Amino acid sequence: MMDKIEVTISGYEVREKTVTKTGNSGHVMVPPSWIGKRVKIILLDPVEEE
């Protein structure tokens, strides 16, 4: 299991989303106004190791 860390970031907007499956990857939809902008994705739930 991964250790939880504390992260402090500054930004302009926060959206909490659930990642959905797309092929062999995950997908998060954001507003079209975000296209071409830099974003950071932070994992909020632990990942179970296989």
C-alpha atoms as a PDB file:
ATOM      1  CA  MET A   1       0.000   0.000   0.000  1.00  0.00           C
ATOM      2  CA  MET A   2       1.206   3.514  -0.762  1.00  0.00           C
ATOM      3  CA  ASP A   3       1.900   5.939   2.078  1.00  0.00           C
ATOM      4  CA  LYS A   4      -0.402   8.950   2.237  1.00  0.00           C
ATOM      5  CA  ILE A   5       1.361  12.294   1.733  1.00  0.00           C
ATOM      6  CA  GLU A   6       0.219  15.872   2.280  1.00  0.00           C
ATOM      7  CA  VAL A   7       0.328  18.147  -0.769  1.00  0.00           C
ATOM      8  CA  THR A   8      -0.180  21.908  -0.882  1.00  0.00           C
ATOM      9  CA  ILE A   9      -0.819  23.499  -4.284  1.00  0.00           C
ATOM     10  CA  SER A  10      -2.167  26.818  -5.548  1.00  0.00           C
ATOM     11  CA  GLY A  11      -4.576  26.967  -8.444  1.00  0.00           C
ATOM     12  CA  TYR A  12      -7.683  28.527  -9.910  1.00  0.00           C
ATOM     13  CA  GLU A  13     -10.351  25.858  -9.597  1.00  0.00           C
ATOM     14  CA  VAL A  14     -10.876  22.457  -7.979  1.00  0.00           C
ATOM     15  CA  ARG A  15     -13.111  19.679  -9.278  1.00  0.00           C
ATOM     16  CA  GLU A  16     -13.399  16.281  -7.626  1.00  0.00           C
ATOM     17  CA  LYS A  17     -14.109  13.546 -10.186  1.00  0.00           C
ATOM     18  CA  THR A  18     -14.138   9.761 -10.386  1.00  0.00           C
ATOM     19  CA  VAL A  19     -11.805   8.164 -12.923  1.00  0.00           C
ATOM     20  CA  THR A  20     -13.615   5.969 -15.459  1.00  0.00           C
ATOM     21  CA  LYS A  21     -12.191   3.115 -17.543  1.00  0.00           C
ATOM     22  CA  THR A  22     -11.278   3.876 -21.151  1.00  0.00           C
ATOM     23  CA  GLY A  23      -9.590   0.979 -22.981  1.00  0.00           C
ATOM     24  CA  ASN A  24      -6.447   0.078 -20.990  1.00  0.00           C
ATOM     25  CA  SER A  25      -6.356   3.414 -19.212  1.00  0.00           C
ATOM     26  CA  GLY A  26      -8.311   5.745 -16.954  1.00  0.00           C
ATOM     27  CA  HIS A  27     -10.185   8.887 -17.979  1.00  0.00           C
ATOM     28  CA  VAL A  28     -11.261  12.076 -16.197  1.00  0.00           C
ATOM     29  CA  MET A  29     -13.493  14.574 -17.979  1.00  0.00           C
ATOM     30  CA  VAL A  30     -12.825  18.286 -17.433  1.00  0.00           C
ATOM     31  CA  PRO A  31     -14.490  21.387 -18.886  1.00  0.00           C
ATOM     32  CA  PRO A  32     -13.571  22.264 -22.492  1.00  0.00           C
ATOM     33  CA  SER A  33     -12.177  25.595 -21.252  1.00  0.00           C
ATOM     34  CA  TRP A  34      -9.381  23.567 -19.612  1.00  0.00           C
ATOM     35  CA  ILE A  35      -8.110  22.202 -22.952  1.00  0.00           C
ATOM     36  CA  GLY A  36      -4.461  23.145 -23.398  1.00  0.00           C
ATOM     37  CA  LYS A  37      -4.099  24.128 -19.733  1.00  0.00           C
ATOM     38  CA  ARG A  38      -1.822  22.463 -17.190  1.00  0.00           C
ATOM     39  CA  VAL A  39      -3.552  20.370 -14.521  1.00  0.00           C
ATOM     40  CA  LYS A  40      -2.454  18.196 -11.604  1.00  0.00           C
ATOM     41  CA  ILE A  41      -4.197  14.981 -10.672  1.00  0.00           C
ATOM     42  CA  ILE A  42      -4.024  13.885  -7.018  1.00  0.00           C
ATOM     43  CA  LEU A  43      -5.017  10.355  -6.023  1.00  0.00           C
ATOM     44  CA  LEU A  44      -7.402  10.637  -3.044  1.00  0.00           C
ATOM     45  CA  ASP A  45      -8.097   6.927  -2.418  1.00  0.00           C
ATOM     46  CA  PRO A  46      -5.438   4.266  -1.819  1.00  0.00           C
ATOM     47  CA  VAL A  47      -4.707   1.769  -4.619  1.00  0.00           C
ATOM     48  CA  GLU A  48      -4.817  -1.884  -3.600  1.00  0.00           C
ATOM     49  CA  GLU A  49      -1.639  -3.664  -4.723  1.00  0.00           C
ATOM     50  CA  GLU A  50      -2.210  -6.772  -6.849  1.00  0.00           C
END
